[in-house]
Amino acid sequence: MNRREELKQMYKEIKIEAGVYQIKNTKNGKVLVVGTPNLKTINGKRFELQMGTSINKPLQQDWNEYGEDAFVFEILEVIEPEKDPFFNMKETVSKREEHWISKLQSFGEGGYNSAKRV
């Protein structure tokens, strides 16, 4: 097997984990809670903020004001797929995201999520 095929095979074997993570501003305590079917998207969210292209304007403004060092990215929950044939990962991720938004009160003065999602 050549190197290219080996790399393809390794990529296919990478386990994709669904879950919920937070981006916390350590200066003002505000939080953004994000549910995702692939926790590796954390890197993409960080890159958006670094490039100044985040669609979450309040988060982007605070990132620009306080700097990258003022923010902590933390996984809150990893969601394991169930064997049940009716298990819906997208729905489960959405419900767990709502749970964490409610628990952390990450909307209004407390965060960067919109209140309508709760």
PDB file of N, CA and C in Angstrom:
ATOM      1  N   MET A   1       0.852  -1.183   0.000  1.00  0.00           N
ATOM      2  CA  MET A   1       0.000   0.000   0.000  1.00  0.00           C
ATOM      3  C   MET A   1       0.894   1.240   0.000  1.00  0.00           C
ATOM      4  N   ASN A   2       0.611   2.183  -0.891  1.00  0.00           N
ATOM      5  CA  ASN A   2       1.440   3.386  -0.930  1.00  0.00           C
ATOM      6  C   ASN A   2       1.024   4.358   0.174  1.00  0.00           C
ATOM      7  N   ARG A   3       1.818   5.377   0.366  1.00  0.00           N
ATOM      8  CA  ARG A   3       1.605   6.338   1.471  1.00  0.00           C
ATOM      9  C   ARG A   3       0.242   7.025   1.385  1.00  0.00           C
ATOM     10  N   ARG A   4      -0.151   7.387   0.176  1.00  0.00           N
ATOM     11  CA  ARG A   4      -1.442   8.069  -0.008  1.00  0.00           C
ATOM     12  C   ARG A   4      -2.599   7.175   0.454  1.00  0.00           C
ATOM     13  N   GLU A   5      -2.569   5.928   0.079  1.00  0.00           N
ATOM     14  CA  GLU A   5      -3.603   4.981   0.485  1.00  0.00           C
ATOM     15  C   GLU A   5      -3.590   4.767   1.998  1.00  0.00           C
ATOM     16  N   GLU A   6      -2.395   4.716   2.574  1.00  0.00           N
ATOM     17  CA  GLU A   6      -2.273   4.577   4.026  1.00  0.00           C
ATOM     18  C   GLU A   6      -2.931   5.759   4.739  1.00  0.00           C
ATOM     19  N   LEU A   7      -2.658   6.969   4.252  1.00  0.00           N
ATOM     20  CA  LEU A   7      -3.238   8.165   4.869  1.00  0.00           C
ATOM     21  C   LEU A   7      -4.758   8.184   4.734  1.00  0.00           C
ATOM     22  N   LYS A   8      -5.262   7.771   3.587  1.00  0.00           N
ATOM     23  CA  LYS A   8      -6.710   7.687   3.382  1.00  0.00           C
ATOM     24  C   LYS A   8      -7.330   6.725   4.389  1.00  0.00           C
ATOM     25  N   GLN A   9      -6.690   5.578   4.545  1.00  0.00           N
ATOM     26  CA  GLN A   9      -7.197   4.566   5.472  1.00  0.00           C
ATOM     27  C   GLN A   9      -7.171   5.080   6.910  1.00  0.00           C
ATOM     28  N   MET A  10      -6.096   5.758   7.283  1.00  0.00           N
ATOM     29  CA  MET A  10      -6.003   6.320   8.631  1.00  0.00           C
ATOM     30  C   MET A  10      -7.108   7.348   8.854  1.00  0.00           C
ATOM     31  N   TYR A  11      -7.385   8.175   7.861  1.00  0.00           N
ATOM     32  CA  TYR A  11      -8.430   9.188   7.969  1.00  0.00           C
ATOM     33  C   TYR A  11      -9.794   8.529   8.174  1.00  0.00           C
ATOM     34  N   LYS A  12     -10.060   7.459   7.442  1.00  0.00           N
ATOM     35  CA  LYS A  12     -11.344   6.755   7.567  1.00  0.00           C
ATOM     36  C   LYS A  12     -11.526   6.142   8.947  1.00  0.00           C
ATOM     37  N   GLU A  13     -10.425   5.806   9.602  1.00  0.00           N
ATOM     38  CA  GLU A  13     -10.493   5.149  10.899  1.00  0.00           C
ATOM     39  C   GLU A  13     -10.574   6.119  12.069  1.00  0.00           C
ATOM     40  N   ILE A  14     -10.438   7.425  11.801  1.00  0.00           N
ATOM     41  CA  ILE A  14     -10.526   8.419  12.868  1.00  0.00           C
ATOM     42  C   ILE A  14     -11.942   8.428  13.420  1.00  0.00           C
ATOM     43  N   LYS A  15     -12.043   8.311  14.712  1.00  0.00           N
ATOM     44  CA  LYS A  15     -13.349   8.305  15.364  1.00  0.00           C
ATOM     45  C   LYS A  15     -13.881   9.737  15.448  1.00  0.00           C
ATOM     46  N   ILE A  16     -15.102   9.916  14.966  1.00  0.00           N
ATOM     47  CA  ILE A  16     -15.744  11.224  15.054  1.00  0.00           C
ATOM     48  C   ILE A  16     -16.653  11.207  16.279  1.00  0.00           C
ATOM     49  N   GLU A  17     -16.439  12.175  17.167  1.00  0.00           N
ATOM     50  CA  GLU A  17     -17.233  12.254  18.385  1.00  0.00           C
ATOM     51  C   GLU A  17     -18.151  13.462  18.331  1.00  0.00           C
ATOM     52  N   ALA A  18     -19.406  13.218  18.686  1.00  0.00           N
ATOM     53  CA  ALA A  18     -20.376  14.304  18.801  1.00  0.00           C
ATOM     54  C   ALA A  18     -20.340  14.819  20.228  1.00  0.00           C
ATOM     55  N   GLY A  19     -20.798  16.054  20.415  1.00  0.00           N
ATOM     56  CA  GLY A  19     -20.829  16.572  21.779  1.00  0.00           C
ATOM     57  C   GLY A  19     -21.199  18.036  21.855  1.00  0.00           C
ATOM     58  N   VAL A  20     -20.985  18.565  23.034  1.00  0.00           N
ATOM     59  CA  VAL A  20     -21.280  19.964  23.323  1.00  0.00           C
ATOM     60  C   VAL A  20     -20.036  20.575  23.951  1.00  0.00           C
ATOM     61  N   TYR A  21     -19.680  21.779  23.486  1.00  0.00           N
ATOM     62  CA  TYR A  21     -18.539  22.474  24.064  1.00  0.00           C
ATOM     63  C   TYR A  21     -18.900  23.918  24.349  1.00  0.00           C
ATOM     64  N   GLN A  22     -18.045  24.551  25.133  1.00  0.00           N
ATOM     65  CA  GLN A  22     -18.254  25.964  25.432  1.00  0.00           C
ATOM     66  C   GLN A  22     -17.007  26.761  25.085  1.00  0.00           C
ATOM     67  N   ILE A  23     -17.250  28.012  24.722  1.00  0.00           N
ATOM     68  CA  ILE A  23     -16.180  28.990  24.566  1.00  0.00           C
ATOM     69  C   ILE A  23     -16.453  30.012  25.653  1.00  0.00           C
ATOM     70  N   LYS A  24     -15.545  30.095  26.622  1.00  0.00           N
ATOM     71  CA  LYS A  24     -15.769  30.954  27.783  1.00  0.00           C
ATOM     72  C   LYS A  24     -14.808  32.133  27.776  1.00  0.00           C
ATOM     73  N   ASN A  25     -15.378  33.306  27.980  1.00  0.00           N
ATOM     74  CA  ASN A  25     -14.597  34.532  28.106  1.00  0.00           C
ATOM     75  C   ASN A  25     -14.211  34.648  29.579  1.00  0.00           C
ATOM     76  N   THR A  26     -12.933  34.546  29.880  1.00  0.00           N
ATOM     77  CA  THR A  26     -12.485  34.567  31.275  1.00  0.00           C
ATOM     78  C   THR A  26     -12.473  35.978  31.856  1.00  0.00           C
ATOM     79  N   LYS A  27     -12.635  36.979  31.013  1.00  0.00           N
ATOM     80  CA  LYS A  27     -12.636  38.371  31.494  1.00  0.00           C
ATOM     81  C   LYS A  27     -14.008  38.811  31.995  1.00  0.00           C
ATOM     82  N   ASN A  28     -15.075  38.409  31.280  1.00  0.00           N
ATOM     83  CA  ASN A  28     -16.412  38.843  31.697  1.00  0.00           C
ATOM     84  C   ASN A  28     -17.344  37.682  32.035  1.00  0.00           C
ATOM     85  N   GLY A  29     -16.873  36.444  31.898  1.00  0.00           N
ATOM     86  CA  GLY A  29     -17.654  35.280  32.279  1.00  0.00           C
ATOM     87  C   GLY A  29     -18.692  34.832  31.261  1.00  0.00           C
ATOM     88  N   LYS A  30     -18.806  35.524  30.145  1.00  0.00           N
ATOM     89  CA  LYS A  30     -19.788  35.131  29.136  1.00  0.00           C
ATOM     90  C   LYS A  30     -19.361  33.833  28.455  1.00  0.00           C
ATOM     91  N   VAL A  31     -20.391  33.066  28.028  1.00  0.00           N
ATOM     92  CA  VAL A  31     -20.156  31.739  27.460  1.00  0.00           C
ATOM     93  C   VAL A  31     -20.958  31.568  26.171  1.00  0.00           C
ATOM     94  N   LEU A  32     -20.375  30.864  25.211  1.00  0.00           N
ATOM     95  CA  LEU A  32     -21.097  30.385  24.045  1.00  0.00           C
ATOM     96  C   LEU A  32     -21.119  28.869  24.133  1.00  0.00           C
ATOM     97  N   VAL A  33     -22.310  28.272  24.085  1.00  0.00           N
ATOM     98  CA  VAL A  33     -22.460  26.825  24.096  1.00  0.00           C
ATOM     99  C   VAL A  33     -22.768  26.380  22.670  1.00  0.00           C
ATOM    100  N   VAL A  34     -22.028  25.366  22.198  1.00  0.00           N
ATOM    101  CA  VAL A  34     -22.192  24.871  20.832  1.00  0.00           C
ATOM    102  C   VAL A  34     -22.328  23.352  20.863  1.00  0.00           C
ATOM    103  N   GLY A  35     -23.393  22.849  20.245  1.00  0.00           N
ATOM    104  CA  GLY A  35     -23.565  21.418  20.052  1.00  0.00           C
ATOM    105  C   GLY A  35     -23.154  21.064  18.638  1.00  0.00           C
ATOM    106  N   THR A  36     -22.452  19.952  18.474  1.00  0.00           N
ATOM    107  CA  THR A  36     -21.948  19.594  17.151  1.00  0.00           C
ATOM    108  C   THR A  36     -21.863  18.075  16.990  1.00  0.00           C
ATOM    109  N   PRO A  37     -22.125  17.581  15.773  1.00  0.00           N
ATOM    110  CA  PRO A  37     -21.937  16.145  15.531  1.00  0.00           C
ATOM    111  C   PRO A  37     -20.461  15.770  15.400  1.00  0.00           C
ATOM    112  N   ASN A  38     -19.571  16.775  15.365  1.00  0.00           N
ATOM    113  CA  ASN A  38     -18.134  16.518  15.250  1.00  0.00           C
ATOM    114  C   ASN A  38     -17.376  17.525  16.110  1.00  0.00           C
ATOM    115  N   LEU A  39     -16.863  17.085  17.250  1.00  0.00           N
ATOM    116  CA  LEU A  39     -16.187  17.984  18.178  1.00  0.00           C
ATOM    117  C   LEU A  39     -14.912  18.609  17.585  1.00  0.00           C
ATOM    118  N   LYS A  40     -14.420  18.073  16.500  1.00  0.00           N
ATOM    119  CA  LYS A  40     -13.242  18.672  15.869  1.00  0.00           C
ATOM    120  C   LYS A  40     -13.557  20.048  15.277  1.00  0.00           C
ATOM    121  N   THR A  41     -14.848  20.403  15.194  1.00  0.00           N
ATOM    122  CA  THR A  41     -15.223  21.729  14.681  1.00  0.00           C
ATOM    123  C   THR A  41     -14.795  22.842  15.636  1.00  0.00           C
ATOM    124  N   ILE A  42     -14.367  22.477  16.819  1.00  0.00           N
ATOM    125  CA  ILE A  42     -13.834  23.480  17.756  1.00  0.00           C
ATOM    126  C   ILE A  42     -12.701  24.255  17.078  1.00  0.00           C
ATOM    127  N   ASN A  43     -11.852  23.540  16.362  1.00  0.00           N
ATOM    128  CA  ASN A  43     -10.728  24.189  15.682  1.00  0.00           C
ATOM    129  C   ASN A  43     -11.218  25.183  14.635  1.00  0.00           C
ATOM    130  N   GLY A  44     -12.282  24.843  13.932  1.00  0.00           N
ATOM    131  CA  GLY A  44     -12.854  25.736  12.941  1.00  0.00           C
ATOM    132  C   GLY A  44     -13.423  26.992  13.567  1.00  0.00           C
ATOM    133  N   LYS A  45     -14.060  26.835  14.729  1.00  0.00           N
ATOM    134  CA  LYS A  45     -14.632  27.987  15.440  1.00  0.00           C
ATOM    135  C   LYS A  45     -13.511  28.924  15.902  1.00  0.00           C
ATOM    136  N   ARG A  46     -12.422  28.342  16.408  1.00  0.00           N
ATOM    137  CA  ARG A  46     -11.270  29.152  16.831  1.00  0.00           C
ATOM    138  C   ARG A  46     -10.690  29.903  15.629  1.00  0.00           C
ATOM    139  N   PHE A  47     -10.577  29.221  14.491  1.00  0.00           N
ATOM    140  CA  PHE A  47     -10.028  29.832  13.284  1.00  0.00           C
ATOM    141  C   PHE A  47     -10.908  31.001  12.819  1.00  0.00           C
ATOM    142  N   GLU A  48     -12.240  30.812  12.843  1.00  0.00           N
ATOM    143  CA  GLU A  48     -13.158  31.898  12.472  1.00  0.00           C
ATOM    144  C   GLU A  48     -12.899  33.132  13.330  1.00  0.00           C
ATOM    145  N   LEU A  49     -12.750  32.918  14.622  1.00  0.00           N
ATOM    146  CA  LEU A  49     -12.516  34.039  15.536  1.00  0.00           C
ATOM    147  C   LEU A  49     -11.168  34.702  15.253  1.00  0.00           C
ATOM    148  N   GLN A  50     -10.161  33.897  15.006  1.00  0.00           N
ATOM    149  CA  GLN A  50      -8.834  34.440  14.702  1.00  0.00           C
ATOM    150  C   GLN A  50      -8.853  35.262  13.416  1.00  0.00           C
ATOM    151  N   MET A  51      -9.655  34.850  12.449  1.00  0.00           N
ATOM    152  CA  MET A  51      -9.738  35.540  11.163  1.00  0.00           C
ATOM    153  C   MET A  51     -10.724  36.713  11.195  1.00  0.00           C
ATOM    154  N   GLY A  52     -11.485  36.820  12.300  1.00  0.00           N
ATOM    155  CA  GLY A  52     -12.461  37.906  12.415  1.00  0.00           C
ATOM    156  C   GLY A  52     -13.718  37.669  11.612  1.00  0.00           C
ATOM    157  N   THR A  53     -14.050  36.401  11.338  1.00  0.00           N
ATOM    158  CA  THR A  53     -15.187  36.088  10.477  1.00  0.00           C
ATOM    159  C   THR A  53     -16.330  35.362  11.190  1.00  0.00           C
ATOM    160  N   SER A  54     -16.336  35.343  12.508  1.00  0.00           N
ATOM    161  CA  SER A  54     -17.404  34.661  13.242  1.00  0.00           C
ATOM    162  C   SER A  54     -18.738  35.355  12.982  1.00  0.00           C
ATOM    163  N   ILE A  55     -19.795  34.563  12.778  1.00  0.00           N
ATOM    164  CA  ILE A  55     -21.122  35.146  12.576  1.00  0.00           C
ATOM    165  C   ILE A  55     -21.736  35.608  13.894  1.00  0.00           C
ATOM    166  N   ASN A  56     -21.136  35.205  15.016  1.00  0.00           N
ATOM    167  CA  ASN A  56     -21.609  35.659  16.323  1.00  0.00           C
ATOM    168  C   ASN A  56     -20.894  36.977  16.635  1.00  0.00           C
ATOM    169  N   LYS A  57     -21.546  38.079  16.285  1.00  0.00           N
ATOM    170  CA  LYS A  57     -20.918  39.410  16.387  1.00  0.00           C
ATOM    171  C   LYS A  57     -20.495  39.788  17.812  1.00  0.00           C
ATOM    172  N   PRO A  58     -21.341  39.564  18.837  1.00  0.00           N
ATOM    173  CA  PRO A  58     -20.891  39.909  20.202  1.00  0.00           C
ATOM    174  C   PRO A  58     -19.648  39.130  20.634  1.00  0.00           C
ATOM    175  N   LEU A  59     -19.603  37.843  20.280  1.00  0.00           N
ATOM    176  CA  LEU A  59     -18.431  37.027  20.603  1.00  0.00           C
ATOM    177  C   LEU A  59     -17.210  37.556  19.860  1.00  0.00           C
ATOM    178  N   GLN A  60     -17.356  37.856  18.577  1.00  0.00           N
ATOM    179  CA  GLN A  60     -16.246  38.358  17.787  1.00  0.00           C
ATOM    180  C   GLN A  60     -15.744  39.693  18.344  1.00  0.00           C
ATOM    181  N   GLN A  61     -16.664  40.567  18.755  1.00  0.00           N
ATOM    182  CA  GLN A  61     -16.259  41.859  19.319  1.00  0.00           C
ATOM    183  C   GLN A  61     -15.447  41.676  20.595  1.00  0.00           C
ATOM    184  N   ASP A  62     -15.909  40.776  21.474  1.00  0.00           N
ATOM    185  CA  ASP A  62     -15.160  40.530  22.715  1.00  0.00           C
ATOM    186  C   ASP A  62     -13.816  39.877  22.423  1.00  0.00           C
ATOM    187  N   TRP A  63     -13.773  38.970  21.449  1.00  0.00           N
ATOM    188  CA  TRP A  63     -12.512  38.330  21.044  1.00  0.00           C
ATOM    189  C   TRP A  63     -11.523  39.397  20.586  1.00  0.00           C
ATOM    190  N   ASN A  64     -12.012  40.334  19.767  1.00  0.00           N
ATOM    191  CA  ASN A  64     -11.153  41.400  19.260  1.00  0.00           C
ATOM    192  C   ASN A  64     -10.692  42.318  20.398  1.00  0.00           C
ATOM    193  N   GLU A  65     -11.577  42.568  21.354  1.00  0.00           N
ATOM    194  CA  GLU A  65     -11.266  43.477  22.466  1.00  0.00           C
ATOM    195  C   GLU A  65     -10.313  42.849  23.480  1.00  0.00           C
ATOM    196  N   TYR A  66     -10.604  41.608  23.910  1.00  0.00           N
ATOM    197  CA  TYR A  66      -9.840  40.974  24.990  1.00  0.00           C
ATOM    198  C   TYR A  66      -8.674  40.114  24.494  1.00  0.00           C
ATOM    199  N   GLY A  67      -8.744  39.651  23.243  1.00  0.00           N
ATOM    200  CA  GLY A  67      -7.681  38.805  22.703  1.00  0.00           C
ATOM    201  C   GLY A  67      -7.930  37.326  22.939  1.00  0.00           C
ATOM    202  N   GLU A  68      -7.251  36.517  22.164  1.00  0.00           N
ATOM    203  CA  GLU A  68      -7.419  35.064  22.202  1.00  0.00           C
ATOM    204  C   GLU A  68      -7.131  34.471  23.575  1.00  0.00           C
ATOM    205  N   ASP A  69      -6.176  35.018  24.295  1.00  0.00           N
ATOM    206  CA  ASP A  69      -5.793  34.471  25.603  1.00  0.00           C
ATOM    207  C   ASP A  69      -6.891  34.604  26.650  1.00  0.00           C
ATOM    208  N   ALA A  70      -7.903  35.426  26.385  1.00  0.00           N
ATOM    209  CA  ALA A  70      -9.004  35.614  27.341  1.00  0.00           C
ATOM    210  C   ALA A  70     -10.088  34.558  27.180  1.00  0.00           C
ATOM    211  N   PHE A  71      -9.922  33.632  26.233  1.00  0.00           N
ATOM    212  CA  PHE A  71     -10.962  32.642  25.956  1.00  0.00           C
ATOM    213  C   PHE A  71     -10.469  31.219  26.171  1.00  0.00           C
ATOM    214  N   VAL A  72     -11.370  30.400  26.739  1.00  0.00           N
ATOM    215  CA  VAL A  72     -11.082  28.997  27.005  1.00  0.00           C
ATOM    216  C   VAL A  72     -12.103  28.157  26.249  1.00  0.00           C
ATOM    217  N   PHE A  73     -11.630  27.148  25.515  1.00  0.00           N
ATOM    218  CA  PHE A  73     -12.489  26.205  24.809  1.00  0.00           C
ATOM    219  C   PHE A  73     -12.517  24.930  25.640  1.00  0.00           C
ATOM    220  N   GLU A  74     -13.729  24.470  25.991  1.00  0.00           N
ATOM    221  CA  GLU A  74     -13.838  23.314  26.882  1.00  0.00           C
ATOM    222  C   GLU A  74     -14.980  22.408  26.436  1.00  0.00           C
ATOM    223  N   ILE A  75     -14.709  21.108  26.329  1.00  0.00           N
ATOM    224  CA  ILE A  75     -15.746  20.137  26.004  1.00  0.00           C
ATOM    225  C   ILE A  75     -16.581  19.898  27.262  1.00  0.00           C
ATOM    226  N   LEU A  76     -17.888  20.075  27.142  1.00  0.00           N
ATOM    227  CA  LEU A  76     -18.795  19.876  28.274  1.00  0.00           C
ATOM    228  C   LEU A  76     -19.330  18.446  28.326  1.00  0.00           C
ATOM    229  N   GLU A  77     -19.527  17.859  27.140  1.00  0.00           N
ATOM    230  CA  GLU A  77     -20.123  16.529  27.092  1.00  0.00           C
ATOM    231  C   GLU A  77     -19.803  15.871  25.757  1.00  0.00           C
ATOM    232  N   VAL A  78     -19.447  14.594  25.814  1.00  0.00           N
ATOM    233  CA  VAL A  78     -19.274  13.778  24.614  1.00  0.00           C
ATOM    234  C   VAL A  78     -20.511  12.896  24.518  1.00  0.00           C
ATOM    235  N   ILE A  79     -21.128  12.867  23.340  1.00  0.00           N
ATOM    236  CA  ILE A  79     -22.352  12.089  23.148  1.00  0.00           C
ATOM    237  C   ILE A  79     -22.009  10.816  22.377  1.00  0.00           C
ATOM    238  N   GLU A  80     -22.258   9.698  23.016  1.00  0.00           N
ATOM    239  CA  GLU A  80     -21.985   8.407  22.397  1.00  0.00           C
ATOM    240  C   GLU A  80     -23.203   7.967  21.594  1.00  0.00           C
ATOM    241  N   PRO A  81     -22.996   7.459  20.372  1.00  0.00           N
ATOM    242  CA  PRO A  81     -24.134   6.959  19.591  1.00  0.00           C
ATOM    243  C   PRO A  81     -24.721   5.712  20.252  1.00  0.00           C
ATOM    244  N   GLU A  82     -26.023   5.550  20.112  1.00  0.00           N
ATOM    245  CA  GLU A  82     -26.695   4.387  20.689  1.00  0.00           C
ATOM    246  C   GLU A  82     -26.917   3.341  19.605  1.00  0.00           C
ATOM    247  N   LYS A  83     -27.096   2.115  20.023  1.00  0.00           N
ATOM    248  CA  LYS A  83     -27.312   1.014  19.081  1.00  0.00           C
ATOM    249  C   LYS A  83     -28.734   1.024  18.521  1.00  0.00           C
ATOM    250  N   ASP A  84     -29.632   1.724  19.173  1.00  0.00           N
ATOM    251  CA  ASP A  84     -31.031   1.814  18.764  1.00  0.00           C
ATOM    252  C   ASP A  84     -31.124   2.309  17.316  1.00  0.00           C
ATOM    253  N   PRO A  85     -31.812   1.576  16.432  1.00  0.00           N
ATOM    254  CA  PRO A  85     -31.913   2.008  15.032  1.00  0.00           C
ATOM    255  C   PRO A  85     -32.674   3.326  14.855  1.00  0.00           C
ATOM    256  N   PHE A  86     -33.429   3.732  15.859  1.00  0.00           N
ATOM    257  CA  PHE A  86     -34.186   4.980  15.787  1.00  0.00           C
ATOM    258  C   PHE A  86     -33.447   6.150  16.443  1.00  0.00           C
ATOM    259  N   PHE A  87     -32.228   5.894  16.899  1.00  0.00           N
ATOM    260  CA  PHE A  87     -31.428   6.948  17.523  1.00  0.00           C
ATOM    261  C   PHE A  87     -31.115   8.029  16.500  1.00  0.00           C
ATOM    262  N   ASN A  88     -31.369   9.275  16.868  1.00  0.00           N
ATOM    263  CA  ASN A  88     -31.134  10.415  15.975  1.00  0.00           C
ATOM    264  C   ASN A  88     -30.072  11.298  16.616  1.00  0.00           C
ATOM    265  N   MET A  89     -28.840  11.231  16.093  1.00  0.00           N
ATOM    266  CA  MET A  89     -27.725  11.975  16.679  1.00  0.00           C
ATOM    267  C   MET A  89     -27.972  13.476  16.613  1.00  0.00           C
ATOM    268  N   LYS A  90     -28.470  13.954  15.491  1.00  0.00           N
ATOM    269  CA  LYS A  90     -28.703  15.393  15.324  1.00  0.00           C
ATOM    270  C   LYS A  90     -29.688  15.906  16.382  1.00  0.00           C
ATOM    271  N   GLU A  91     -30.752  15.177  16.590  1.00  0.00           N
ATOM    272  CA  GLU A  91     -31.756  15.553  17.594  1.00  0.00           C
ATOM    273  C   GLU A  91     -31.172  15.500  19.008  1.00  0.00           C
ATOM    274  N   THR A  92     -30.395  14.479  19.284  1.00  0.00           N
ATOM    275  CA  THR A  92     -29.766  14.330  20.598  1.00  0.00           C
ATOM    276  C   THR A  92     -28.792  15.468  20.865  1.00  0.00           C
ATOM    277  N   VAL A  93     -27.984  15.822  19.875  1.00  0.00           N
ATOM    278  CA  VAL A  93     -27.032  16.927  20.019  1.00  0.00           C
ATOM    279  C   VAL A  93     -27.791  18.217  20.320  1.00  0.00           C
ATOM    280  N   SER A  94     -28.868  18.451  19.583  1.00  0.00           N
ATOM    281  CA  SER A  94     -29.666  19.664  19.768  1.00  0.00           C
ATOM    282  C   SER A  94     -30.249  19.738  21.192  1.00  0.00           C
ATOM    283  N   LYS A  95     -30.774  18.618  21.684  1.00  0.00           N
ATOM    284  CA  LYS A  95     -31.355  18.575  23.038  1.00  0.00           C
ATOM    285  C   LYS A  95     -30.290  18.809  24.104  1.00  0.00           C
ATOM    286  N   ARG A  96     -29.120  18.213  23.914  1.00  0.00           N
ATOM    287  CA  ARG A  96     -28.051  18.385  24.906  1.00  0.00           C
ATOM    288  C   ARG A  96     -27.503  19.810  24.874  1.00  0.00           C
ATOM    289  N   GLU A  97     -27.452  20.407  23.691  1.00  0.00           N
ATOM    290  CA  GLU A  97     -27.037  21.796  23.575  1.00  0.00           C
ATOM    291  C   GLU A  97     -28.019  22.692  24.333  1.00  0.00           C
ATOM    292  N   GLU A  98     -29.311  22.471  24.136  1.00  0.00           N
ATOM    293  CA  GLU A  98     -30.335  23.241  24.852  1.00  0.00           C
ATOM    294  C   GLU A  98     -30.185  23.081  26.361  1.00  0.00           C
ATOM    295  N   HIS A  99     -29.915  21.839  26.789  1.00  0.00           N
ATOM    296  CA  HIS A  99     -29.716  21.575  28.220  1.00  0.00           C
ATOM    297  C   HIS A  99     -28.582  22.437  28.780  1.00  0.00           C
ATOM    298  N   TRP A 100     -27.450  22.444  28.089  1.00  0.00           N
ATOM    299  CA  TRP A 100     -26.281  23.192  28.572  1.00  0.00           C
ATOM    300  C   TRP A 100     -26.499  24.699  28.496  1.00  0.00           C
ATOM    301  N   ILE A 101     -27.190  25.179  27.464  1.00  0.00           N
ATOM    302  CA  ILE A 101     -27.492  26.603  27.366  1.00  0.00           C
ATOM    303  C   ILE A 101     -28.331  27.021  28.568  1.00  0.00           C
ATOM    304  N   SER A 102     -29.335  26.208  28.892  1.00  0.00           N
ATOM    305  CA  SER A 102     -30.196  26.495  30.038  1.00  0.00           C
ATOM    306  C   SER A 102     -29.422  26.415  31.355  1.00  0.00           C
ATOM    307  N   LYS A 103     -28.627  25.375  31.507  1.00  0.00           N
ATOM    308  CA  LYS A 103     -27.867  25.171  32.743  1.00  0.00           C
ATOM    309  C   LYS A 103     -26.864  26.295  32.992  1.00  0.00           C
ATOM    310  N   LEU A 104     -26.157  26.714  31.944  1.00  0.00           N
ATOM    311  CA  LEU A 104     -25.122  27.743  32.089  1.00  0.00           C
ATOM    312  C   LEU A 104     -25.656  29.161  31.893  1.00  0.00           C
ATOM    313  N   GLN A 105     -26.938  29.259  31.516  1.00  0.00           N
ATOM    314  CA  GLN A 105     -27.559  30.569  31.268  1.00  0.00           C
ATOM    315  C   GLN A 105     -26.691  31.391  30.321  1.00  0.00           C
ATOM    316  N   SER A 106     -26.360  30.785  29.184  1.00  0.00           N
ATOM    317  CA  SER A 106     -25.416  31.395  28.249  1.00  0.00           C
ATOM    318  C   SER A 106     -26.103  32.288  27.210  1.00  0.00           C
ATOM    319  N   PHE A 107     -27.047  33.085  27.673  1.00  0.00           N
ATOM    320  CA  PHE A 107     -27.749  34.016  26.802  1.00  0.00           C
ATOM    321  C   PHE A 107     -27.957  35.319  27.554  1.00  0.00           C
ATOM    322  N   GLY A 108     -28.363  36.350  26.847  1.00  0.00           N
ATOM    323  CA  GLY A 108     -28.547  37.658  27.481  1.00  0.00           C
ATOM    324  C   GLY A 108     -27.230  38.158  28.033  1.00  0.00           C
ATOM    325  N   GLU A 109     -27.267  38.620  29.274  1.00  0.00           N
ATOM    326  CA  GLU A 109     -26.054  39.145  29.921  1.00  0.00           C
ATOM    327  C   GLU A 109     -25.031  38.058  30.233  1.00  0.00           C
ATOM    328  N   GLY A 110     -25.478  36.783  30.247  1.00  0.00           N
ATOM    329  CA  GLY A 110     -24.596  35.686  30.639  1.00  0.00           C
ATOM    330  C   GLY A 110     -23.832  35.038  29.514  1.00  0.00           C
ATOM    331  N   GLY A 111     -24.151  35.404  28.264  1.00  0.00           N
ATOM    332  CA  GLY A 111     -23.438  34.712  27.221  1.00  0.00           C
ATOM    333  C   GLY A 111     -23.744  35.174  25.819  1.00  0.00           C
ATOM    334  N   TYR A 112     -23.320  34.346  24.898  1.00  0.00           N
ATOM    335  CA  TYR A 112     -23.367  34.683  23.476  1.00  0.00           C
ATOM    336  C   TYR A 112     -24.430  33.909  22.709  1.00  0.00           C
ATOM    337  N   ASN A 113     -25.156  32.990  23.369  1.00  0.00           N
ATOM    338  CA  ASN A 113     -26.243  32.280  22.697  1.00  0.00           C
ATOM    339  C   ASN A 113     -27.474  33.181  22.661  1.00  0.00           C
ATOM    340  N   SER A 114     -28.332  32.942  21.678  1.00  0.00           N
ATOM    341  CA  SER A 114     -29.561  33.719  21.617  1.00  0.00           C
ATOM    342  C   SER A 114     -30.621  33.060  22.503  1.00  0.00           C
ATOM    343  N   ALA A 115     -31.406  33.846  23.184  1.00  0.00           N
ATOM    344  CA  ALA A 115     -32.381  33.346  24.150  1.00  0.00           C
ATOM    345  C   ALA A 115     -33.480  32.540  23.494  1.00  0.00           C
ATOM    346  N   LYS A 116     -33.784  32.782  22.224  1.00  0.00           N
ATOM    347  CA  LYS A 116     -34.872  32.075  21.552  1.00  0.00           C
ATOM    348  C   LYS A 116     -34.647  30.587  21.420  1.00  0.00           C
ATOM    349  N   ARG A 117     -33.406  30.138  21.543  1.00  0.00           N
ATOM    350  CA  ARG A 117     -33.083  28.719  21.403  1.00  0.00           C
ATOM    351  C   ARG A 117     -33.417  27.932  22.646  1.00  0.00           C
ATOM    352  N   VAL A 118     -33.685  28.610  23.742  1.00  0.00           N
ATOM    353  CA  VAL A 118     -33.914  27.919  25.009  1.00  0.00           C
ATOM    354  C   VAL A 118     -35.380  27.663  25.221  1.00  0.00           C
TER     355      VAL A 118
END
